Protein backbone atom coordinates (compact mmCIF):
# COMPACT_ATOMS: atom_id res chain seq x y z
CA MET A 1 -5.35 34.95 18.15
CA ALA A 2 -1.66 34.65 19.16
CA PRO A 3 0.77 35.32 16.36
CA GLU A 4 1.89 32.67 14.28
CA GLY A 5 5.40 30.45 15.38
CA ASN A 6 8.42 29.64 13.64
CA ALA A 7 9.24 29.25 10.19
CA ALA A 8 8.65 25.77 10.08
CA GLU A 9 5.06 26.01 10.51
CA PRO A 10 2.42 26.90 7.73
CA SER A 11 1.46 29.95 7.60
CA ARG A 12 -2.57 30.91 7.16
CA HIS A 13 -1.78 33.66 4.96
CA LYS A 14 -1.01 32.00 1.61
CA CYS A 15 -0.93 33.44 -1.78
CA LEU A 16 -1.99 31.87 -5.08
CA ILE A 17 0.09 32.96 -8.38
CA TYR A 18 -1.46 31.61 -11.34
CA ASP A 19 -1.89 32.08 -15.30
CA GLY A 20 -4.68 31.52 -17.65
CA HIS A 21 -8.39 30.64 -16.66
CA PRO A 22 -9.97 31.46 -13.60
CA SER A 23 -10.63 27.97 -13.21
CA GLU A 24 -7.33 27.19 -12.76
CA GLN A 25 -7.43 28.72 -9.10
CA LEU A 26 -10.23 26.02 -8.15
CA PRO A 27 -7.94 23.30 -6.89
CA VAL A 28 -6.63 25.53 -4.51
CA ILE A 29 -9.39 27.98 -3.48
CA VAL A 30 -12.29 24.76 -3.42
CA PRO A 31 -10.61 22.99 -0.55
CA LEU A 32 -10.11 26.04 1.57
CA LEU A 33 -13.70 26.88 1.26
CA LEU A 34 -14.62 23.36 2.16
CA ASP A 35 -12.60 23.30 4.90
CA GLY A 36 -13.83 26.62 6.44
CA ILE A 37 -17.27 25.25 5.71
CA ARG A 38 -16.57 21.88 7.49
CA ASP A 39 -14.81 23.62 10.73
CA ARG A 40 -17.90 26.06 10.55
CA TRP A 41 -15.88 29.45 9.64
CA ARG A 42 -17.48 32.10 7.93
CA THR A 43 -16.14 31.75 4.18
CA LEU A 44 -15.77 34.76 1.66
CA TYR A 45 -14.87 34.75 -1.76
CA LEU A 46 -14.81 38.01 -3.51
CA GLY A 47 -14.37 38.33 -6.66
CA ASP A 48 -16.32 39.26 -10.34
CA PRO A 49 -19.97 37.97 -11.03
CA ASP A 50 -18.68 34.99 -13.56
CA THR A 51 -16.34 33.86 -11.46
CA LEU A 52 -18.34 33.80 -8.23
CA GLN A 53 -20.82 31.78 -10.49
CA MET A 54 -17.97 29.27 -11.06
CA VAL A 55 -17.21 28.86 -7.51
CA ASP A 56 -20.96 28.36 -6.61
CA THR A 57 -20.66 25.72 -9.27
CA ALA A 58 -17.33 24.25 -8.35
CA LEU A 59 -18.87 23.88 -4.49
CA SER A 60 -22.21 22.58 -5.67
CA GLU A 61 -20.24 19.73 -7.15
CA GLN A 62 -18.35 19.06 -4.20
CA GLY A 63 -21.99 18.47 -2.20
CA VAL A 64 -22.37 21.91 -0.64
CA ASP A 65 -26.05 23.44 -0.77
CA THR A 66 -24.57 26.81 -1.59
CA ALA A 67 -28.17 28.30 -1.16
CA GLN A 68 -28.84 27.09 2.06
CA LYS A 69 -25.00 27.63 3.49
CA THR A 70 -25.37 31.40 1.99
CA ARG A 71 -28.93 32.17 4.25
CA GLU A 72 -27.08 30.51 7.23
CA GLY A 73 -24.42 33.38 6.72
CA ALA A 74 -21.61 30.38 6.76
CA LEU A 75 -20.91 31.32 2.74
CA VAL A 76 -20.69 34.51 1.44
CA LEU A 77 -19.61 34.83 -2.33
CA SER A 78 -19.28 38.85 -3.18
CA ALA A 79 -18.67 41.36 -5.73
CA ASP A 80 -18.67 44.27 -3.51
CA ARG A 81 -16.47 46.97 -4.23
CA THR A 82 -17.79 49.60 -2.14
CA HIS A 83 -14.11 49.92 -0.71
CA LEU A 84 -13.45 51.44 -4.01
CA ALA A 85 -15.64 54.53 -3.57
CA GLY A 86 -13.96 57.38 -5.42
CA GLY A 87 -11.44 54.73 -7.29
CA ARG A 88 -8.85 54.77 -4.33
CA PHE A 89 -8.00 51.88 -2.30
CA ASP A 90 -7.17 52.57 1.18
CA PRO A 91 -5.00 50.01 2.73
CA GLN A 92 -5.64 50.51 6.40
CA ALA A 93 -9.49 51.21 5.65
CA MET A 94 -9.77 47.79 4.02
CA VAL A 95 -7.53 45.87 7.00
CA ASP A 96 -9.90 47.64 9.32
CA GLY A 97 -13.29 46.62 7.22
CA LEU A 98 -11.68 42.81 7.40
CA ARG A 99 -11.20 42.99 11.18
CA THR A 100 -14.57 44.18 11.71
CA ALA A 101 -15.78 41.01 9.68
CA ILE A 102 -14.03 38.89 11.23
CA ASP A 103 -15.36 39.90 15.25
CA GLY A 104 -18.31 40.01 13.32
CA ALA A 105 -18.53 36.43 12.41
CA VAL A 106 -17.17 35.30 15.56
CA ALA A 107 -20.16 36.94 17.43
CA GLU A 108 -22.38 35.40 15.26
CA GLY A 109 -20.76 32.05 16.68
CA PHE A 110 -18.43 30.94 13.65
CA GLY A 111 -15.03 29.81 14.45
CA GLY A 112 -13.33 32.84 12.18
CA LEU A 113 -13.40 34.05 8.90
CA CYS A 114 -11.88 32.03 5.87
CA ALA A 115 -11.52 34.42 3.04
CA THR A 116 -9.65 34.46 -0.73
CA GLY A 117 -10.95 36.68 -3.94
CA ASP A 118 -9.14 37.96 -6.59
CA MET A 119 -6.73 40.95 -5.94
CA THR A 120 -7.28 42.32 -9.62
CA TRP A 121 -10.93 42.60 -8.13
CA GLU A 122 -10.43 43.67 -4.67
CA LEU A 123 -7.69 46.64 -5.50
CA GLY A 124 -9.44 47.78 -9.03
CA THR A 125 -7.40 49.85 -11.34
CA ASP A 126 -3.27 49.41 -12.08
CA GLU A 127 -2.89 52.29 -9.67
CA ASN A 128 -4.28 50.97 -7.13
CA PHE A 129 -1.78 48.22 -6.83
CA THR A 130 1.01 50.61 -5.59
CA TYR A 131 -0.55 50.23 -2.48
CA LEU A 132 -0.27 46.38 -2.18
CA LEU A 133 2.68 46.25 -0.52
CA GLU A 134 1.35 48.35 2.57
CA TYR A 135 -1.59 46.48 2.33
CA GLU A 136 -0.29 42.76 2.50
CA ALA A 137 2.19 43.64 4.97
CA ARG A 138 -0.74 44.93 7.10
CA LEU A 139 -3.00 42.37 6.00
CA ASP A 140 -0.33 39.81 7.32
CA ARG A 141 -0.66 41.24 10.85
CA VAL A 142 -4.68 40.70 11.13
CA PHE A 143 -3.70 36.82 9.99
CA ARG A 144 -1.10 36.56 13.14
CA GLU A 145 -4.16 38.60 15.64
CA LYS A 146 -6.88 37.33 14.40
CA PRO A 147 -8.84 33.80 13.24
CA LEU A 148 -8.59 34.36 9.93
CA ARG A 149 -7.37 31.96 6.89
CA GLY A 150 -7.06 32.81 3.73
CA ILE A 151 -5.54 33.11 0.29
CA CYS A 152 -5.08 35.94 -2.03
CA GLN A 153 -4.95 35.40 -5.82
CA TYR A 154 -2.65 37.03 -8.21
CA ARG A 155 -3.32 36.01 -12.01
CA ARG A 156 0.02 36.69 -13.26
CA ASP A 157 -1.16 37.80 -17.04
CA LEU A 158 -3.33 40.66 -15.39
CA VAL A 159 -1.86 42.06 -12.53
CA PRO A 160 1.41 44.16 -12.97
CA HIS A 161 4.79 42.51 -12.55
CA GLU A 162 5.52 44.82 -9.60
CA ALA A 163 2.38 43.34 -7.77
CA ILE A 164 3.95 39.74 -8.42
CA ARG A 165 7.40 40.95 -6.45
CA HIS A 166 5.42 42.37 -3.63
CA ALA A 167 3.12 39.27 -3.29
CA LEU A 168 6.59 37.52 -2.75
CA LEU A 169 7.98 39.37 -0.18
CA THR A 170 4.61 39.59 1.61
CA HIS A 171 3.64 35.82 1.96
CA ARG A 172 5.41 33.12 3.72
CA SER A 173 3.55 30.42 2.41
CA LEU A 174 2.59 30.69 -1.66
CA TYR A 175 1.10 28.34 -4.13
CA VAL A 176 2.30 28.56 -7.71
CA GLY A 177 0.09 26.86 -9.52
CA ASP A 178 -1.12 24.27 -7.34
CA VAL A 179 2.25 23.60 -5.98
CA LEU A 180 2.53 25.06 -2.28
CA ASN A 181 5.93 26.27 -0.85
CA GLN A 182 5.52 26.94 2.87
CA ASP A 183 8.77 28.38 3.25
CA ASN A 184 8.73 31.08 0.52
CA LEU A 185 12.59 32.27 0.96
CA PHE A 186 11.67 35.89 -0.27
CA TYR A 187 9.48 36.69 2.53
CA ILE A 188 10.36 39.71 4.71
CA PRO A 189 8.06 40.24 7.95
CA PRO A 190 5.65 43.14 7.72
CA GLU A 191 7.18 44.67 10.73
CA LEU A 192 10.29 45.61 8.65
CA LEU A 193 8.40 46.31 5.71
CA LEU A 194 6.12 48.67 7.19
CA ASP A 195 8.96 50.42 9.05
CA GLN A 196 10.43 53.15 6.36
CA GLY A 197 12.97 54.58 8.56
CA SER A 198 16.64 53.96 8.05
CA GLY A 199 16.49 51.63 11.09
CA GLY A 200 14.05 49.67 9.42
CA ARG A 201 16.02 49.27 5.86
CA ASP A 202 18.73 47.92 8.01
CA ARG A 203 16.84 45.27 9.77
CA GLN A 204 15.41 44.28 6.37
CA GLY A 205 18.86 43.80 5.40
CA ASP A 206 19.63 41.48 8.64
CA TRP A 207 16.31 39.70 7.86
CA MET A 208 17.65 38.93 4.08
CA CYS A 209 21.27 37.69 5.34
CA GLN A 210 19.84 35.61 7.95
CA GLN A 211 17.45 33.86 4.60
CA ILE A 212 20.70 33.63 3.26
CA LEU A 213 22.42 31.73 6.39
CA ARG A 214 19.11 29.57 6.73
CA VAL A 215 19.92 28.16 3.30
CA LEU A 216 23.58 27.96 3.40
CA HIS A 217 23.31 26.11 6.67
CA ALA A 218 20.48 23.88 4.86
CA GLU A 219 22.88 23.06 1.92
CA ARG A 220 25.54 22.45 4.35
CA THR A 221 23.34 19.95 6.30
CA ARG A 222 22.39 18.19 3.16
CA ASP A 223 26.44 18.08 1.90
CA GLU A 224 27.11 16.57 5.25
CA ALA A 225 24.24 14.00 4.85
CA LEU A 226 24.92 13.00 1.34
CA ARG A 227 28.77 12.50 2.65
CA ALA A 228 27.72 10.16 5.34
CA LEU A 229 25.35 8.40 2.92
CA GLU A 230 28.34 8.08 0.45
CA ALA A 231 30.35 6.62 3.45
CA THR A 232 27.88 4.46 4.13
CA ASN A 233 27.53 3.15 0.73
CA ARG A 234 31.46 2.54 0.57
CA ASP A 235 31.06 0.97 3.60
CA LEU A 236 28.09 -1.46 2.45
CA GLU A 237 29.85 -1.81 -0.71
CA ARG A 238 33.25 -3.00 1.51
CA ARG A 239 31.10 -5.62 3.27
CA VAL A 240 28.94 -7.21 0.28
CA ALA A 241 32.45 -7.64 -1.05
CA GLU A 242 33.78 -9.27 1.76
CA ARG A 243 30.22 -11.23 2.41
CA THR A 244 30.70 -12.58 -1.43
CA ALA A 245 33.95 -13.36 -1.53
CA GLU A 246 33.11 -15.29 2.19
CA LEU A 247 30.17 -17.09 0.11
CA GLU A 248 32.68 -17.98 -2.83
CA ALA A 249 35.37 -19.38 -0.64
CA SER A 250 32.08 -21.34 1.50
CA ASN A 251 31.06 -22.53 -2.22
CA ARG A 252 34.71 -23.70 -2.81
CA ASP A 253 34.51 -25.87 0.14
CA LEU A 254 31.06 -27.30 -0.62
CA ASP A 255 32.44 -28.18 -3.91
CA ALA A 256 35.62 -29.55 -2.36
CA PHE A 257 32.87 -31.76 0.31
CA ALA A 258 30.82 -33.21 -2.78
CA TYR A 259 33.85 -34.38 -4.39
CA SER A 260 35.04 -35.81 -1.36
CA VAL A 261 31.53 -37.43 -0.87
CA SER A 262 31.58 -38.55 -4.35
CA HIS A 263 34.58 -40.51 -4.24
CA ASP A 264 36.16 -40.92 -0.81
CA LEU A 265 32.73 -42.00 0.84
CA ARG A 266 31.36 -44.11 -2.08
CA ALA A 267 34.49 -46.31 -2.33
CA PRO A 268 34.12 -47.46 1.11
CA LEU A 269 30.42 -48.03 0.72
CA ARG A 270 31.10 -50.03 -2.28
CA ALA A 271 33.27 -52.42 -0.43
CA ILE A 272 30.62 -52.70 2.37
CA GLY A 273 28.00 -53.67 0.21
CA GLY A 274 29.95 -55.83 -1.93
CA PHE A 275 31.42 -57.91 1.05
CA ALA A 276 27.89 -57.94 2.59
CA SER A 277 26.50 -59.37 -0.66
CA ALA A 278 29.17 -62.19 -1.16
CA LEU A 279 28.90 -63.30 2.44
CA VAL A 280 24.92 -63.41 1.92
CA GLU A 281 25.89 -65.69 -1.11
CA ASP A 282 28.73 -67.35 0.23
CA ALA A 283 27.41 -68.30 3.99
CA GLY A 284 23.81 -66.86 3.98
CA PRO A 285 21.76 -70.02 4.48
CA SER A 286 24.57 -71.19 7.57
CA LEU A 287 24.64 -67.71 9.17
CA GLY A 288 20.69 -68.16 10.71
CA SER A 289 19.51 -65.66 13.02
CA PRO A 290 20.34 -63.57 14.77
CA ALA A 291 23.61 -63.19 12.10
CA GLY A 292 21.38 -63.03 9.33
CA ASP A 293 19.58 -60.47 10.51
CA HIS A 294 22.66 -58.42 11.18
CA LEU A 295 23.63 -58.49 7.85
CA ALA A 296 20.44 -57.56 6.26
CA ARG A 297 20.71 -54.47 8.51
CA ILE A 298 24.19 -53.85 7.13
CA ARG A 299 23.18 -53.89 3.68
CA ALA A 300 20.05 -51.83 4.20
CA ALA A 301 22.03 -49.17 6.05
CA VAL A 302 24.58 -49.09 3.19
CA ALA A 303 21.79 -48.85 0.78
CA ARG A 304 20.61 -45.44 2.77
CA MET A 305 23.81 -43.85 3.32
CA GLU A 306 24.11 -44.40 -0.47
CA ALA A 307 21.08 -42.46 -1.01
CA LEU A 308 21.87 -39.87 1.26
CA VAL A 309 25.48 -39.20 -0.41
CA ASP A 310 23.12 -38.83 -3.85
CA GLY A 311 20.89 -36.58 -2.15
CA LEU A 312 23.41 -34.37 -0.73
CA LEU A 313 25.30 -34.44 -4.00
CA THR A 314 21.92 -33.38 -5.85
CA LEU A 315 21.51 -30.25 -3.46
CA SER A 316 24.61 -29.52 -3.70
CA ARG A 317 24.11 -29.09 -7.41
CA THR A 318 21.16 -26.49 -7.20
CA VAL A 319 22.99 -23.95 -5.90
CA HIS A 320 25.62 -23.81 -8.75
CA GLY A 321 25.58 -23.31 -12.58
CA THR A 322 23.91 -20.53 -14.31
CA LEU A 323 20.30 -21.05 -14.81
CA GLN A 324 19.10 -21.48 -18.11
CA ARG A 325 15.83 -19.79 -18.50
CA THR A 326 13.06 -21.24 -20.82
CA SER A 327 9.67 -21.56 -21.32
CA LEU A 328 8.34 -24.90 -19.65
CA ASP A 329 5.47 -26.89 -19.95
CA LEU A 330 4.85 -27.73 -16.43
CA THR A 331 1.63 -29.77 -17.61
CA ALA A 332 3.35 -32.23 -19.80
CA MET A 333 6.33 -32.35 -17.44
CA ALA A 334 3.98 -33.55 -14.79
CA ASP A 335 2.31 -36.06 -17.06
CA GLU A 336 5.77 -37.64 -17.68
CA ILE A 337 6.72 -37.91 -14.35
CA LEU A 338 3.30 -39.42 -12.84
CA HIS A 339 3.39 -42.29 -15.60
CA GLU A 340 6.62 -43.35 -14.70
CA LEU A 341 6.03 -43.55 -11.21
CA GLN A 342 2.90 -45.32 -12.50
CA ALA A 343 4.59 -47.95 -14.34
CA LEU A 344 6.94 -48.44 -11.35
CA ALA A 345 4.03 -49.80 -9.66
CA PRO A 346 1.18 -50.71 -12.17
CA GLU A 347 -1.03 -52.54 -9.13
CA ARG A 348 -1.76 -49.15 -7.70
CA ALA A 349 -5.11 -47.28 -7.91
CA ALA A 350 -4.64 -43.53 -8.42
CA ASP A 351 -6.51 -40.39 -9.99
CA LEU A 352 -3.87 -38.49 -11.33
CA VAL A 353 -5.23 -35.08 -12.19
CA ILE A 354 -3.04 -32.57 -14.25
CA GLN A 355 -4.53 -29.25 -14.82
CA LEU A 356 -4.29 -28.15 -18.80
CA GLY A 357 -1.89 -25.16 -19.96
CA LEU A 358 0.16 -25.04 -16.80
CA ARG A 359 3.22 -23.14 -18.13
CA ALA A 360 5.97 -21.31 -16.17
CA THR A 361 10.02 -19.69 -17.06
CA GLY A 362 12.60 -21.70 -15.68
CA ASP A 363 15.88 -23.71 -15.79
CA PRO A 364 14.59 -27.30 -17.10
CA VAL A 365 16.74 -29.17 -15.83
CA LEU A 366 16.25 -27.79 -12.64
CA VAL A 367 12.35 -26.92 -12.28
CA ARG A 368 11.93 -30.93 -13.55
CA ALA A 369 13.97 -31.77 -10.49
CA ALA A 370 11.68 -30.04 -8.22
CA LEU A 371 8.50 -31.40 -9.33
CA THR A 372 9.74 -34.55 -9.79
CA ASN A 373 10.38 -34.56 -5.80
CA LEU A 374 7.20 -33.30 -5.06
CA LEU A 375 5.62 -35.60 -7.00
CA ASN A 376 7.58 -38.53 -5.68
CA ASN A 377 6.55 -37.32 -2.04
CA ALA A 378 2.79 -37.27 -2.92
CA TRP A 379 3.26 -40.86 -4.32
CA LYS A 380 4.95 -42.08 -1.41
CA PHE A 381 2.58 -40.78 1.18
CA THR A 382 -0.37 -42.16 -0.59
CA GLN A 383 0.70 -45.63 -0.92
CA ARG A 384 -1.68 -46.52 1.80
CA ARG A 385 -4.71 -45.35 0.59
CA PRO A 386 -7.03 -47.69 -1.31
CA LYS A 387 -7.06 -45.01 -4.07
CA ALA A 388 -4.64 -42.31 -4.30
CA ARG A 389 -5.65 -38.65 -5.86
CA ILE A 390 -2.89 -36.45 -6.82
CA GLU A 391 -3.44 -32.81 -8.61
CA VAL A 392 -1.16 -30.65 -10.25
CA GLY A 393 -2.76 -27.20 -10.70
CA GLN A 394 -2.47 -23.49 -10.56
CA GLU A 395 -4.72 -21.12 -8.69
CA ARG A 396 -4.59 -17.46 -8.17
CA ASP A 397 -3.67 -15.66 -4.94
CA ALA A 398 -5.44 -12.46 -3.73
CA LEU A 399 -2.97 -10.14 -6.07
CA GLY A 400 -4.01 -11.96 -8.82
CA HIS A 401 -0.56 -13.94 -9.04
CA GLY A 402 0.05 -17.24 -10.17
CA VAL A 403 0.49 -20.01 -7.57
CA TYR A 404 1.42 -23.58 -8.83
CA PHE A 405 0.46 -26.73 -6.37
CA VAL A 406 0.46 -30.63 -6.31
CA ARG A 407 -1.97 -32.12 -4.12
CA ASP A 408 -2.63 -35.15 -2.73
CA ASN A 409 -4.47 -37.58 -0.35
CA GLY A 410 -1.66 -39.18 1.78
CA ALA A 411 -0.68 -39.25 5.17
CA GLY A 412 -0.45 -35.60 5.44
CA PHE A 413 1.66 -33.74 8.08
CA ASP A 414 1.25 -31.64 11.58
CA ALA A 415 0.86 -27.77 10.21
CA ALA A 416 2.84 -26.63 13.46
CA TYR A 417 5.75 -28.83 11.65
CA ALA A 418 5.38 -27.53 8.48
CA SER A 419 8.41 -25.38 8.66
CA LYS A 420 10.76 -28.05 8.88
CA LEU A 421 10.12 -29.98 5.70
CA PHE A 422 12.15 -27.44 3.73
CA THR A 423 15.31 -28.43 5.67
CA PRO A 424 17.68 -30.88 4.95
CA PHE A 425 17.39 -34.15 6.97
CA GLN A 426 14.27 -32.95 8.71
CA ARG A 427 11.37 -35.57 8.40
CA LEU A 428 7.81 -35.91 10.16
CA HIS A 429 7.63 -39.66 9.33
CA GLY A 430 9.85 -42.49 10.52
CA PRO A 431 11.67 -44.27 7.93
CA ASP A 432 9.64 -47.49 9.20
CA GLU A 433 6.50 -45.44 7.82
CA TYR A 434 7.74 -43.96 4.67
CA PRO A 435 11.43 -44.30 3.65
CA GLY A 436 13.06 -41.29 2.61
CA THR A 437 16.39 -39.28 3.32
CA GLY A 438 14.85 -35.81 4.30
CA ILE A 439 16.89 -34.07 1.45
CA GLY A 440 14.10 -34.17 -1.34
CA LEU A 441 11.81 -31.45 -0.30
CA ALA A 442 15.15 -29.36 0.94
CA THR A 443 16.32 -29.85 -2.93
CA VAL A 444 12.60 -28.19 -3.83
CA GLY A 445 13.22 -25.36 -1.64
CA ARG A 446 16.73 -24.50 -3.18
CA ILE A 447 15.32 -24.68 -6.46
CA ILE A 448 12.39 -22.76 -6.12
CA ALA A 449 14.27 -20.14 -3.94
CA ARG A 450 17.14 -19.72 -6.86
CA HIS A 451 14.34 -18.83 -9.53
CA GLY A 452 13.15 -15.96 -7.19
CA GLY A 453 9.77 -17.85 -6.01
CA ARG A 454 8.59 -19.17 -2.85
CA VAL A 455 7.56 -22.86 -1.61
CA TRP A 456 5.02 -23.72 1.56
CA ALA A 457 2.85 -26.36 2.47
CA GLU A 458 -0.37 -26.78 4.27
CA GLY A 459 -1.76 -30.14 5.59
CA ALA A 460 -2.98 -32.48 8.42
CA PRO A 461 -1.85 -35.95 10.09
CA GLU A 462 -4.06 -38.00 7.77
CA GLY A 463 -6.18 -35.41 5.58
CA GLY A 464 -3.31 -34.85 2.69
CA ALA A 465 -1.04 -32.68 1.78
CA THR A 466 -0.98 -29.46 -0.14
CA PHE A 467 2.79 -27.75 -1.92
CA PHE A 468 2.46 -24.42 -2.96
CA PHE A 469 5.18 -22.86 -5.07
CA THR A 470 5.57 -19.85 -7.45
CA LEU A 471 7.85 -19.68 -10.56
CA PRO A 472 7.74 -16.97 -13.42
CA GLU A 473 4.96 -17.45 -15.44
CA ALA A 474 5.79 -17.84 -19.19
CA ALA A 475 3.91 -15.51 -21.32
CA PRO A 476 0.76 -16.46 -23.41
CA PRO A 477 1.40 -18.11 -26.55
CA ASP A 478 0.47 -15.83 -29.67
CA PRO A 479 -3.08 -16.22 -31.01
């Protein structure tokens, strides 16, 4: 097995430092053993009999047939301490035995050895922890040379404090609790730790300096990134301020245009309409055709132009002013609007279906204007049906959010042009078929957008149409 690569790569030689009950090791140890079994590596756990039973139970709960895996040689739960014969721990002998175990696992068809264990059980008495630094350094070499994965476990309230320091020096990757640090800055490579001469100590110093420089470089890189981010944010704030100023200027221009429309255009329109009406009254019967037809067209064009001016003014007002948000009863609002429409054409047969309990939050004037436009639209495009059906209700989308709708059985539209419905002056039916200015649905789109909602439509030619929209839902009334 080739030595491990650079410091950015995770080490296969890990350490677990934990406090308290042995069960606190399970979130780290069990995944290691499961990965070993899955990859067909021989898995080894070394510890006291009670801990072995705990690990056996934890693996069984994950669906592992531990008895079968033991018979196959894939799982070894061992309390063996023969390596401590005479009470003295021999680091080199322990490492040599581990090499033999790895070679044996490979010879039997396993990918390698996946091992973990309680270092207190493995080393025995506190005196043996004096050999820990040498043992872990020699062990690190085995991880570089052999197919070995492992986690050395240190229960902090049981092992000597010096052992924790040595564990930090000898493991590049370590868990503290269940948090993994893959790049331990305290780590010193084993070839430096095992070189006891003066040259080795100098090389340790060089390594520590390199670690410090690496940290300083990382901090400098982070600081440079932060400065770049701050500069980007400042530029973004400047651009937002410029864009806001441009929008405010555009709104002022729009206000001026609306004022011009309401005053400068209305006066000549009234004059044209007034003179055309006077001409009809004074000379209508004598004009005949085609002069009478021309005059009728003039009056119709004036009326259409006045409707366009009114629509533009309404569209302009929808983007100005502060929203007055309040709880709205959409059921009552829709009922009032539809009854007003029916009163204007009592001869029409229509089924008007309004779901009870429709509530939302929004500006009452603007939301009423949007709902009026949608219902006017439905009323207009169902006028050629023997019996119109208009439905107002609410349904839930896939995420459980409320979506309101206005559905009709009218003329419908080609779905390929649905995106044009909410654009000013875009109409999918000619004025001879259904009168209108093409501003009503654009006004609906602006109003719903100002409330943070969405509006869209579905339909088919002569198959009716459904307009969907979202609004903030009102809180349910107190029981």
